[in-house]
Protein backbone atom coordinates (compact mmCIF):
# COMPACT_ATOMS: atom_id res chain seq x y z
CA UNK A 1 91.10 120.82 81.42
CA UNK A 2 89.55 122.57 78.01
CA UNK A 3 87.12 120.68 76.09
CA UNK A 4 89.67 119.76 73.37
CA UNK A 5 90.23 116.28 71.75
CA UNK A 6 93.92 117.39 71.38
CA UNK A 7 94.30 118.09 75.17
CA UNK A 8 92.59 114.68 75.84
CA UNK A 9 95.13 112.74 73.59
CA UNK A 10 98.04 114.92 74.99
CA UNK A 11 97.05 113.68 78.74
CA UNK A 12 96.57 110.11 77.68
CA UNK A 13 100.02 110.26 75.95
CA UNK A 14 101.69 111.94 78.99
CA UNK A 15 100.12 108.63 81.16
CA UNK A 16 101.75 105.99 78.48
CA UNK A 17 105.08 108.11 78.84
CA UNK A 18 105.00 107.74 82.42
CA UNK A 19 103.52 104.32 82.12
CA UNK A 20 100.57 105.11 84.36
CA UNK A 21 97.65 104.44 82.02
CA UNK A 22 95.41 101.84 83.26
CA UNK A 23 94.10 99.02 81.11
CA UNK A 24 91.36 96.73 81.90
CA UNK A 25 91.83 92.79 81.77
CA UNK A 26 88.88 90.62 80.61
CA UNK A 27 88.77 87.81 83.09
CA UNK A 28 89.79 84.52 81.90
CA UNK A 29 87.16 81.90 81.42
CA UNK A 30 86.95 79.05 84.15
CA UNK A 31 88.01 75.48 83.43
CA UNK A 32 85.57 72.94 84.46
CA UNK A 33 86.72 72.93 87.84
CA UNK A 34 86.47 76.40 88.48
CA UNK A 35 90.12 77.31 88.22
CA UNK A 36 91.04 80.08 86.01
CA UNK A 37 93.96 79.74 82.96
CA UNK A 38 96.50 81.66 85.32
CA UNK A 39 96.69 81.46 88.92
CA UNK A 40 95.34 84.68 90.52
CA UNK A 41 96.99 86.47 93.58
CA UNK A 42 95.19 89.70 93.05
CA UNK A 43 91.59 89.32 94.20
CA UNK A 44 89.78 90.20 97.23
CA UNK A 45 88.28 86.85 97.28
CA UNK A 46 89.85 86.17 100.94
CA UNK A 47 87.63 83.31 101.83
CA UNK A 48 87.14 81.85 98.46
CA UNK A 49 83.40 82.40 98.26
CA UNK A 50 83.03 84.24 95.12
CA UNK A 51 82.18 80.80 93.29
CA UNK A 52 80.93 78.66 96.23
CA UNK A 53 78.10 76.53 95.15
CA UNK A 54 76.23 77.66 98.20
CA UNK A 55 76.09 81.25 97.04
CA UNK A 56 75.33 80.14 93.24
CA UNK A 57 72.21 78.16 94.49
CA UNK A 58 71.12 80.82 96.80
CA UNK A 59 71.36 83.29 93.95
CA UNK A 60 69.44 81.27 91.53
CA UNK A 61 66.76 80.34 93.81
CA UNK A 62 66.20 83.90 94.91
CA UNK A 63 66.33 85.05 91.23
CA UNK A 64 63.67 82.48 90.30
CA UNK A 65 61.49 84.01 93.20
CA UNK A 66 62.26 87.80 92.80
CA UNK A 67 63.62 88.02 89.33
CA UNK A 68 66.81 89.57 88.07
CA UNK A 69 66.58 93.23 89.22
CA UNK A 70 64.81 94.88 92.48
CA UNK A 71 63.10 97.48 90.32
CA UNK A 72 63.23 100.44 92.36
CA UNK A 73 64.95 102.13 95.43
CA UNK A 74 64.58 100.66 98.83
CA UNK A 75 61.94 103.59 99.93
CA UNK A 76 59.79 102.75 97.19
CA UNK A 77 59.30 99.14 95.98
CA UNK A 78 63.07 97.82 95.77
CA UNK A 79 63.18 96.82 99.68
CA UNK A 80 62.53 92.74 99.65
CA UNK A 81 62.60 90.39 102.31
CA UNK A 82 65.83 89.16 101.42
CA UNK A 83 67.29 92.72 101.94
CA UNK A 84 65.58 92.93 105.56
CA UNK A 85 66.90 89.64 106.61
CA UNK A 86 70.23 90.43 105.60
CA UNK A 87 70.38 93.69 107.37
CA UNK A 88 69.15 91.65 110.57
CA UNK A 89 71.94 89.31 109.92
CA UNK A 90 74.71 91.82 109.63
CA UNK A 91 73.55 93.86 112.53
CA UNK A 92 73.74 90.56 114.48
CA UNK A 93 77.14 89.71 113.14
CA UNK A 94 78.81 93.22 113.72
CA UNK A 95 77.19 93.33 117.36
CA UNK A 96 75.33 96.41 116.24
CA UNK A 97 71.52 97.48 116.67
CA UNK A 98 70.90 97.84 113.15
CA UNK A 99 72.42 97.62 109.47
CA UNK A 100 71.71 99.58 106.14
CA UNK A 101 72.68 97.95 102.89
CA UNK A 102 74.08 100.06 100.23
CA UNK A 103 74.59 99.28 96.43
CA UNK A 104 78.72 99.80 96.84
CA UNK A 105 81.04 100.52 99.30
CA UNK A 106 81.81 103.78 97.88
CA UNK A 107 78.30 104.78 98.01
CA UNK A 108 78.14 103.88 101.79
CA UNK A 109 80.95 105.84 102.54
CA UNK A 110 79.96 108.96 100.60
CA UNK A 111 76.22 108.53 102.01
CA UNK A 112 77.36 108.61 105.42
CA UNK A 113 79.99 111.15 105.74
CA UNK A 114 77.63 113.69 103.75
CA UNK A 115 74.58 112.83 105.76
CA UNK A 116 76.44 113.24 109.19
CA UNK A 117 78.65 116.43 108.52
CA UNK A 118 77.60 119.91 107.81
CA UNK A 119 79.17 123.12 106.85
CA UNK A 120 81.96 124.11 109.68
CA UNK A 121 82.10 120.50 111.12
CA UNK A 122 85.27 118.80 110.99
CA UNK A 123 86.36 115.58 109.14
CA UNK A 124 89.72 113.89 109.99
CA UNK A 125 91.03 111.36 107.65
CA UNK A 126 94.16 109.08 107.65
CA UNK A 127 96.18 110.25 104.52
CA UNK A 128 96.31 106.63 103.01
CA UNK A 129 92.47 105.92 103.52
CA UNK A 130 90.52 104.59 100.62
CA UNK A 131 89.54 106.71 97.69
CA UNK A 132 85.96 106.55 98.57
CA UNK A 133 86.74 108.03 102.15
CA UNK A 134 88.68 110.55 100.61
CA UNK A 135 86.31 111.61 97.92
CA UNK A 136 83.51 111.79 100.46
CA UNK A 137 85.87 114.03 102.45
CA UNK A 138 86.17 116.39 99.07
CA UNK A 139 82.41 116.36 98.47
CA UNK A 140 81.13 117.13 101.90
CA UNK A 141 80.75 120.57 103.23
CA UNK A 142 82.72 120.10 106.15
CA UNK A 143 86.41 121.11 106.74
CA UNK A 144 88.66 118.28 105.92
CA UNK A 145 92.02 117.73 107.72
CA UNK A 146 94.22 114.67 106.59
CA UNK A 147 96.66 113.61 109.26
CA UNK A 148 99.56 111.23 108.73
CA UNK A 149 99.43 107.77 108.08
CA UNK A 150 98.19 105.84 111.46
CA UNK A 151 99.29 109.11 113.33
CA UNK A 152 96.56 108.99 116.01
CA UNK A 153 98.51 111.50 118.16
CA UNK A 154 98.14 113.95 115.15
CA UNK A 155 94.25 113.08 115.00
CA UNK A 156 94.00 113.86 118.65
CA UNK A 157 95.84 117.15 118.16
CA UNK A 158 93.63 118.24 115.44
CA UNK A 159 90.53 117.58 117.67
CA UNK A 160 92.07 119.32 120.52
CA UNK A 161 92.75 122.47 118.39
CA UNK A 162 89.15 122.33 116.47
CA UNK A 163 86.43 124.91 117.43
CA UNK A 164 84.13 122.84 115.43
CA UNK A 165 80.76 121.82 117.02
CA UNK A 166 80.82 118.29 115.42
CA UNK A 167 83.61 116.30 114.14
CA UNK A 168 84.29 112.84 112.76
CA UNK A 169 87.26 110.60 112.33
CA UNK A 170 87.16 108.32 109.40
CA UNK A 171 89.70 105.33 108.63
CA UNK A 172 90.16 102.17 106.93
CA UNK A 173 90.40 99.53 109.35
CA UNK A 174 92.92 97.62 107.05
CA UNK A 175 94.53 99.55 104.54
CA UNK A 176 93.75 98.48 101.06
CA UNK A 177 97.19 99.06 99.38
CA UNK A 178 99.45 98.31 102.62
CA UNK A 179 97.72 95.75 104.22
CA UNK A 180 98.30 97.31 107.92
CA UNK A 181 96.07 98.10 110.71
CA UNK A 182 94.54 101.35 111.66
CA UNK A 183 95.38 102.20 115.43
CA UNK A 184 91.71 102.07 116.48
CA UNK A 185 92.24 101.96 120.33
CA UNK A 186 93.97 105.15 120.30
CA UNK A 187 91.68 106.70 117.53
CA UNK A 188 88.60 105.33 119.61
CA UNK A 189 90.11 106.79 122.94
CA UNK A 190 90.67 110.16 121.07
CA UNK A 191 87.20 110.04 119.82
CA UNK A 192 85.52 109.25 123.06
CA UNK A 193 87.70 112.02 124.53
CA UNK A 194 86.28 114.73 122.56
CA UNK A 195 82.84 113.52 121.75
CA UNK A 196 83.57 112.65 118.15
CA UNK A 197 82.10 110.33 115.62
CA UNK A 198 84.59 107.40 114.77
CA UNK A 199 83.93 105.87 111.56
CA UNK A 200 85.69 102.70 110.26
CA UNK A 201 85.56 101.22 106.80
CA UNK A 202 86.55 97.40 107.53
CA UNK A 203 86.02 96.28 104.01
CA UNK A 204 89.28 94.14 104.13
CA UNK A 205 89.01 92.89 107.62
CA UNK A 206 85.49 91.33 107.86
CA UNK A 207 85.51 88.03 107.49
CA UNK A 208 89.32 87.34 107.93
CA UNK A 209 90.53 89.33 111.42
CA UNK A 210 89.35 88.68 114.80
CA UNK A 211 88.79 85.49 116.86
CA UNK A 212 85.59 84.58 114.75
CA UNK A 213 86.06 86.87 111.60
CA UNK A 214 84.29 89.89 112.80
CA UNK A 215 87.24 92.14 111.66
CA UNK A 216 89.49 94.72 113.12
CA UNK A 217 87.07 95.59 115.92
CA UNK A 218 87.21 92.10 117.19
CA UNK A 219 90.89 92.12 116.80
CA UNK A 220 91.15 94.89 119.24
CA UNK A 221 88.24 94.22 121.15
CA UNK A 222 86.38 97.14 120.66
CA UNK A 223 82.36 97.22 121.10
CA UNK A 224 79.85 99.43 119.34
CA UNK A 225 80.47 102.18 121.84
CA UNK A 226 83.94 102.60 121.08
CA UNK A 227 83.33 102.34 117.06
CA UNK A 228 79.95 103.51 116.67
CA UNK A 229 80.06 103.64 112.72
CA UNK A 230 81.12 100.34 111.03
CA UNK A 231 81.31 100.18 107.13
CA UNK A 232 81.88 96.80 105.66
CA UNK A 233 81.54 95.64 101.84
CA UNK A 234 80.39 92.17 100.81
CA UNK A 235 82.49 91.85 97.60
CA UNK A 236 85.69 91.13 99.66
CA UNK A 237 85.63 88.12 101.92
CA UNK A 238 82.13 87.54 101.32
CA UNK A 239 82.21 86.92 97.68
CA UNK A 240 79.33 89.03 96.25
CA UNK A 241 78.77 92.74 95.76
CA UNK A 242 77.16 95.72 97.97
CA UNK A 243 78.00 97.20 101.31
CA UNK A 244 76.73 98.05 104.69
CA UNK A 245 76.66 100.53 107.63
CA UNK A 246 76.03 99.28 110.91
CA UNK A 247 75.20 101.01 114.23
CA UNK A 248 72.76 102.26 116.68
CA UNK A 249 69.10 102.22 115.77
CA UNK A 250 69.11 106.02 115.70
CA UNK A 251 72.04 106.34 113.42
CA UNK A 252 70.54 103.89 110.97
CA UNK A 253 67.33 105.32 110.92
CA UNK A 254 69.01 108.68 110.36
CA UNK A 255 71.05 107.50 107.32
CA UNK A 256 67.80 106.14 105.89
CA UNK A 257 66.07 109.47 106.04
CA UNK A 258 69.26 111.37 105.14
CA UNK A 259 71.82 109.62 103.22
CA UNK A 260 71.24 110.46 99.55
CA UNK A 261 73.36 107.58 98.10
CA UNK A 262 70.95 105.11 99.77
CA UNK A 263 67.66 106.95 98.86
CA UNK A 264 68.28 107.88 95.32
CA UNK A 265 69.46 104.53 93.98
CA UNK A 266 68.24 101.18 92.72
CA UNK A 267 68.31 98.62 95.51
CA UNK A 268 70.75 95.48 95.07
CA UNK A 269 68.81 92.79 93.29
CA UNK A 270 67.49 90.45 95.94
CA UNK A 271 69.28 87.46 94.58
CA UNK A 272 72.60 89.29 95.67
CA UNK A 273 71.22 89.79 98.96
CA UNK A 274 70.22 86.24 99.17
CA UNK A 275 73.79 84.83 98.20
CA UNK A 276 75.17 87.31 100.86
CA UNK A 277 73.28 85.70 103.40
CA UNK A 278 74.52 82.49 102.32
CA UNK A 279 78.06 84.01 102.33
CA UNK A 280 77.58 85.29 105.93
CA UNK A 281 76.31 81.95 107.09
CA UNK A 282 79.20 79.96 105.39
CA UNK A 283 81.84 82.25 106.78
CA UNK A 284 80.61 81.78 110.46
CA UNK A 285 80.25 78.02 110.03
CA UNK A 286 83.42 77.31 108.23
CA UNK A 287 86.06 79.12 110.44
CA UNK A 288 88.84 77.07 108.46
CA UNK A 289 88.45 79.36 105.70
CA UNK A 290 89.83 82.24 107.82
CA UNK A 291 92.37 80.15 109.35
CA UNK A 292 93.87 78.67 105.80
CA UNK A 293 94.11 82.25 104.35
CA UNK A 294 96.11 83.58 107.19
CA UNK A 295 98.16 80.37 107.73
CA UNK A 296 99.08 80.89 103.82
CA UNK A 297 100.11 84.46 104.51
CA UNK A 298 102.55 83.10 107.26
CA UNK A 299 103.90 80.61 104.71
CA UNK A 300 104.33 83.23 102.30
CA UNK A 301 106.10 85.54 104.56
CA UNK A 302 108.43 83.00 106.01
CA UNK A 303 109.38 81.73 102.37
CA UNK A 304 109.62 85.00 100.92
CA UNK A 305 111.97 86.23 103.64
CA UNK A 306 114.26 83.25 103.04
CA UNK A 307 114.58 84.28 99.27
CA UNK A 308 115.15 88.00 100.02
CA UNK A 309 111.92 89.20 98.68
CA UNK A 310 111.44 92.78 100.44
CA UNK A 311 107.99 92.70 102.41
CA UNK A 312 106.44 95.33 104.64
CA UNK A 313 105.06 94.47 108.07
CA UNK A 314 101.68 93.38 107.12
CA UNK A 315 100.06 90.48 108.47
CA UNK A 316 96.79 90.44 106.40
CA UNK A 317 95.99 88.77 103.16
CA UNK A 318 97.26 91.97 101.52
CA UNK A 319 100.93 91.71 101.00
CA UNK A 320 102.82 94.53 99.25
CA UNK A 321 106.14 94.06 97.54
CA UNK A 322 107.03 97.47 97.03
CA UNK A 323 109.22 98.39 94.28
CA UNK A 324 109.44 101.85 93.86
CA UNK A 325 108.95 102.80 89.81
CA UNK A 326 106.10 102.25 87.87
CA UNK A 327 108.13 100.64 85.13
CA UNK A 328 109.81 98.09 87.57
CA UNK A 329 106.42 97.03 89.17
CA UNK A 330 105.03 96.65 85.48
CA UNK A 331 108.19 94.53 84.50
CA UNK A 332 107.85 92.10 87.44
CA UNK A 333 103.99 91.94 86.92
CA UNK A 334 104.83 91.08 83.55
CA UNK A 335 107.47 88.49 84.35
CA UNK A 336 104.89 86.54 86.59
CA UNK A 337 102.25 86.57 84.01
CA UNK A 338 104.64 84.76 81.64
CA UNK A 339 104.99 82.05 84.46
CA UNK A 340 101.26 81.69 84.79
CA UNK A 341 100.53 84.06 87.85
CA UNK A 342 98.44 87.08 87.79
CA UNK A 343 99.73 90.01 90.24
CA UNK A 344 98.58 93.53 89.56
CA UNK A 345 101.16 96.13 89.48
CA UNK A 346 99.64 99.08 91.39
CA UNK A 347 101.13 102.55 90.21
CA UNK A 348 100.35 106.18 91.31
CA UNK A 349 97.75 107.53 92.14
CA UNK A 350 96.42 104.53 93.56
CA UNK A 351 99.63 104.96 95.74
CA UNK A 352 102.10 107.68 96.60
CA UNK A 353 104.60 108.49 94.20
CA UNK A 354 107.85 106.49 94.38
CA UNK A 355 105.75 103.34 95.79
CA UNK A 356 104.67 101.52 92.90
CA UNK A 357 104.44 97.99 94.00
CA UNK A 358 102.88 94.32 93.42
CA UNK A 359 99.75 94.06 95.64
CA UNK A 360 99.60 90.41 96.34
CA UNK A 361 96.56 88.89 97.93
CA UNK A 362 95.77 85.45 99.22
CA UNK A 363 92.58 83.16 99.51
CA UNK A 364 91.40 80.42 101.31
CA UNK A 365 91.11 78.78 97.61
CA UNK A 366 94.98 79.06 97.27
CA UNK A 367 97.05 75.70 98.17
CA UNK A 368 100.45 75.62 100.06
CA UNK A 369 101.95 74.54 96.75
CA UNK A 370 100.47 77.79 94.97
CA UNK A 371 102.09 79.93 97.63
CA UNK A 372 105.46 78.14 96.91
CA UNK A 373 105.31 78.41 93.15
CA UNK A 374 104.37 82.32 93.71
CA UNK A 375 107.57 82.77 95.72
CA UNK A 376 109.79 80.88 93.62
CA UNK A 377 108.82 82.69 90.59
CA UNK A 378 108.72 86.17 92.04
CA UNK A 379 112.32 85.70 93.31
CA UNK A 380 113.34 84.79 90.16
CA UNK A 381 111.68 87.70 88.26
CA UNK A 382 112.98 90.27 90.74
CA UNK A 383 116.51 88.85 90.18
CA UNK A 384 115.99 89.06 86.44
CA UNK A 385 114.60 92.76 86.22
CA UNK A 386 116.77 94.06 88.89
CA UNK A 387 119.39 95.63 86.35
CA UNK A 388 116.68 97.22 84.31
């Protein structure tokens, strides 16, 4: 686009005409009990830890010891004892030799793929991967090939046909807009057969899936050899912010030397690392959080089907209701808001054209009554907007 203010205004007007302009919402203040003014079903706080008193106390105590900011990158003076302890605890939690903390999940995905791939290497990605993985593919010097969603046979076929000396398969563990799982056993088998890296971004699975909440790898009973590169975030189930990559000692040491998004950015505040350590401990100690959110998902699915609400096959806390047009998704979202329920309308380009939706998410902080209220309101609003 040319540097022309008129062109920018026209582009914004076009977004308005197609009902695709994004608008930020200022988060509502909390009541004395910590509850929002409206009931939210659109955050990623799956275990209900973001406002947990234990995390707040850990954060405040660490801020009093270390200050507010880390002051520098990890390789200068920004790597504190809190960061070092968090990396050790994440490695133990994920069953890997080492872990490396990044400031965001976006930076983790960019940094890992850029460090491991060179020109003429092959990068295979699921077509519905998170934007950070897709952007990593766009920025990497390797050849990017996108296979149809969850089509492990297509991924294996691309590996078989490739003459690249080095290749990497990258996939979400739980797809953030659909809530379905990647076919990791099949992808791991293909990666092993063709001696290829397999990277799994399990941002939405860790803390929730698996017998002990260790994510999609535990769900499928896949170890570190099957999934050598595991990426996760702290800003979803663990309620803080930041991210990590976990893997072999050699992988982590190589990334520490070569990952530009790790090397050339300020480290997370030590207080965030301390709060994340508290979250990791609580998530392992209080398994009822994981059990609660999954039980609420099943209650929602059972009652929604009974009311004729269209659902996908997702069994995770991400429950999309696909409505087709952006206009319909916005209308339903606004109708719910008038009833005191916040559910975001997700529109292209976040999802493919024609698949605008509500992205409903559940948390351990919800109750059965909250779920029943949502289902009743959603059924009513869908009926009200059906003729529009």
